[in-house]
Protein backbone atom coordinates (compact mmCIF):
# COMPACT_ATOMS: atom_id res chain seq x y z
CA GLN A 1 170.59 25.85 117.89
CA VAL A 2 170.95 28.71 120.28
CA GLN A 3 172.57 28.20 123.66
CA LEU A 4 173.13 30.32 126.62
CA VAL A 5 175.69 29.12 129.14
CA GLU A 6 176.07 30.93 132.58
CA SER A 7 179.08 30.76 134.90
CA GLY A 8 180.53 32.49 137.81
CA GLY A 9 178.09 31.73 140.64
CA GLY A 10 179.00 30.55 144.11
CA LEU A 11 179.19 31.13 147.71
CA VAL A 12 180.17 34.50 148.91
CA GLN A 13 180.08 36.49 152.32
CA ALA A 14 177.84 39.51 152.71
CA GLY A 15 179.69 42.66 151.29
CA GLY A 16 181.56 40.50 148.86
CA SER A 17 181.58 40.45 145.01
CA LEU A 18 180.86 37.99 142.16
CA ARG A 19 181.01 38.34 138.37
CA LEU A 20 178.60 36.22 136.31
CA SER A 21 179.24 35.56 132.63
CA CYS A 22 176.87 34.21 130.01
CA VAL A 23 178.00 33.26 126.56
CA LEU A 24 175.48 32.96 123.58
CA SER A 25 176.25 30.57 120.77
CA GLY A 26 174.00 29.77 117.69
CA ARG A 27 172.85 33.34 116.81
CA THR A 28 174.45 36.77 116.27
CA PHE A 29 174.91 37.96 119.77
CA SER A 30 174.93 41.73 118.82
CA THR A 31 171.36 41.62 117.74
CA TYR A 32 169.97 40.73 121.05
CA ILE A 33 169.10 42.70 124.22
CA MET A 34 170.68 40.76 127.00
CA GLY A 35 168.85 40.49 130.35
CA TRP A 36 169.75 39.05 133.84
CA PHE A 37 167.08 37.77 136.09
CA ARG A 38 167.04 35.77 139.27
CA GLN A 39 164.64 33.42 140.94
CA THR A 40 164.13 31.92 144.47
CA PRO A 41 161.93 28.90 145.23
CA GLY A 42 158.27 29.58 145.11
CA LYS A 43 158.86 33.02 143.54
CA GLU A 44 158.50 34.29 140.02
CA ARG A 45 161.61 35.06 138.03
CA GLU A 46 162.57 38.65 138.83
CA PHE A 47 164.17 41.19 136.51
CA VAL A 48 167.72 42.30 137.60
CA GLY A 49 168.96 44.27 134.71
CA SER A 50 169.37 44.48 130.94
CA ILE A 51 171.76 45.94 128.39
CA GLY A 52 171.15 47.05 124.73
CA TRP A 53 172.77 46.09 121.61
CA SER A 54 175.44 48.68 121.63
CA ALA A 55 176.17 48.42 125.44
CA THR A 56 175.49 52.21 125.81
CA SER A 57 172.30 51.70 127.75
CA ALA A 58 171.67 49.58 130.81
CA LEU A 59 168.57 49.25 132.92
CA TYR A 60 168.56 47.96 136.53
CA ALA A 61 166.05 47.02 139.18
CA ASP A 62 165.85 49.45 141.98
CA SER A 63 166.98 46.56 144.41
CA VAL A 64 170.33 46.20 142.62
CA LYS A 65 170.95 49.74 141.28
CA GLY A 66 174.25 51.20 142.32
CA ARG A 67 175.62 47.66 143.31
CA PHE A 68 175.35 45.58 140.16
CA THR A 69 176.71 46.53 136.72
CA ILE A 70 176.03 44.84 133.42
CA SER A 71 178.31 44.90 130.48
CA ARG A 72 178.84 42.98 127.17
CA ASP A 73 181.52 42.01 124.77
CA ASN A 74 179.95 41.50 121.36
CA ALA A 75 183.31 40.12 120.09
CA LYS A 76 183.05 37.37 122.76
CA SER A 77 179.35 36.97 122.53
CA THR A 78 179.33 37.33 126.34
CA VAL A 79 177.34 39.43 128.81
CA TYR A 80 178.56 39.94 132.36
CA LEU A 81 176.93 40.83 135.65
CA GLN A 82 179.31 42.46 138.09
CA MET A 83 177.76 42.04 141.54
CA ASN A 84 179.20 44.18 144.51
CA SER A 85 178.15 44.70 148.05
CA LEU A 86 176.19 41.54 148.00
CA GLU A 87 173.50 40.95 150.42
CA PRO A 88 171.84 37.64 151.71
CA GLU A 89 168.71 38.76 149.92
CA ASP A 90 170.59 38.53 146.59
CA THR A 91 170.68 34.77 147.12
CA ALA A 92 168.96 33.15 144.04
CA VAL A 93 169.56 31.14 140.78
CA TYR A 94 170.61 33.79 138.22
CA TYR A 95 169.64 33.51 134.62
CA CYS A 96 170.65 35.30 131.55
CA GLY A 97 168.07 35.72 128.65
CA ALA A 98 168.16 37.08 125.15
CA SER A 99 165.36 39.16 123.71
CA THR A 100 164.90 41.08 120.40
CA LYS A 101 163.21 43.96 122.36
CA PRO A 102 164.08 46.06 125.43
CA THR A 103 161.91 44.52 128.11
CA MET A 104 161.81 43.53 131.76
CA VAL A 105 159.20 40.87 131.13
CA PRO A 106 160.58 37.26 131.29
CA ALA A 107 158.10 35.88 128.77
CA LEU A 108 159.51 38.17 126.12
CA TYR A 109 162.91 36.69 126.31
CA ALA A 110 163.25 33.93 123.62
CA TYR A 111 166.26 32.07 125.00
CA TRP A 112 167.57 31.32 128.42
CA GLY A 113 170.53 29.79 130.17
CA GLN A 114 170.37 27.04 132.66
CA GLY A 115 171.00 29.29 135.50
CA THR A 116 173.88 29.68 138.16
CA GLN A 117 173.41 29.61 141.91
CA VAL A 118 174.54 32.66 143.91
CA THR A 119 174.45 32.20 147.82
CA VAL A 120 175.37 35.06 149.99
CA SER A 121 176.00 34.17 153.61
CA SER A 122 175.43 36.61 156.44
């Protein structure tokens, strides 16, 4: 059984930083593209970024480029999302997902975590 578990969310002031983690179990982590998405009430899940199998390539949404960094540790089956210079607009539930293909489309991610809340106060 595949399981993704996120952690690291919380409340932070604007301009602050948080690091989210997501651990995958039940499958070989290194075979998956790992993505981060976020969602606010009433809106669709939004692509934040993704990282390839070898961690040499990462893709980011324009809204977070230069502020967020995705990394992965295949030995720990973990993907990270380092979020700096946080803005109130970054407030959302953040989800990690696992896909077999590089994609920004949520429906093409086979597995999802339960989500972690990030709240940025102004």
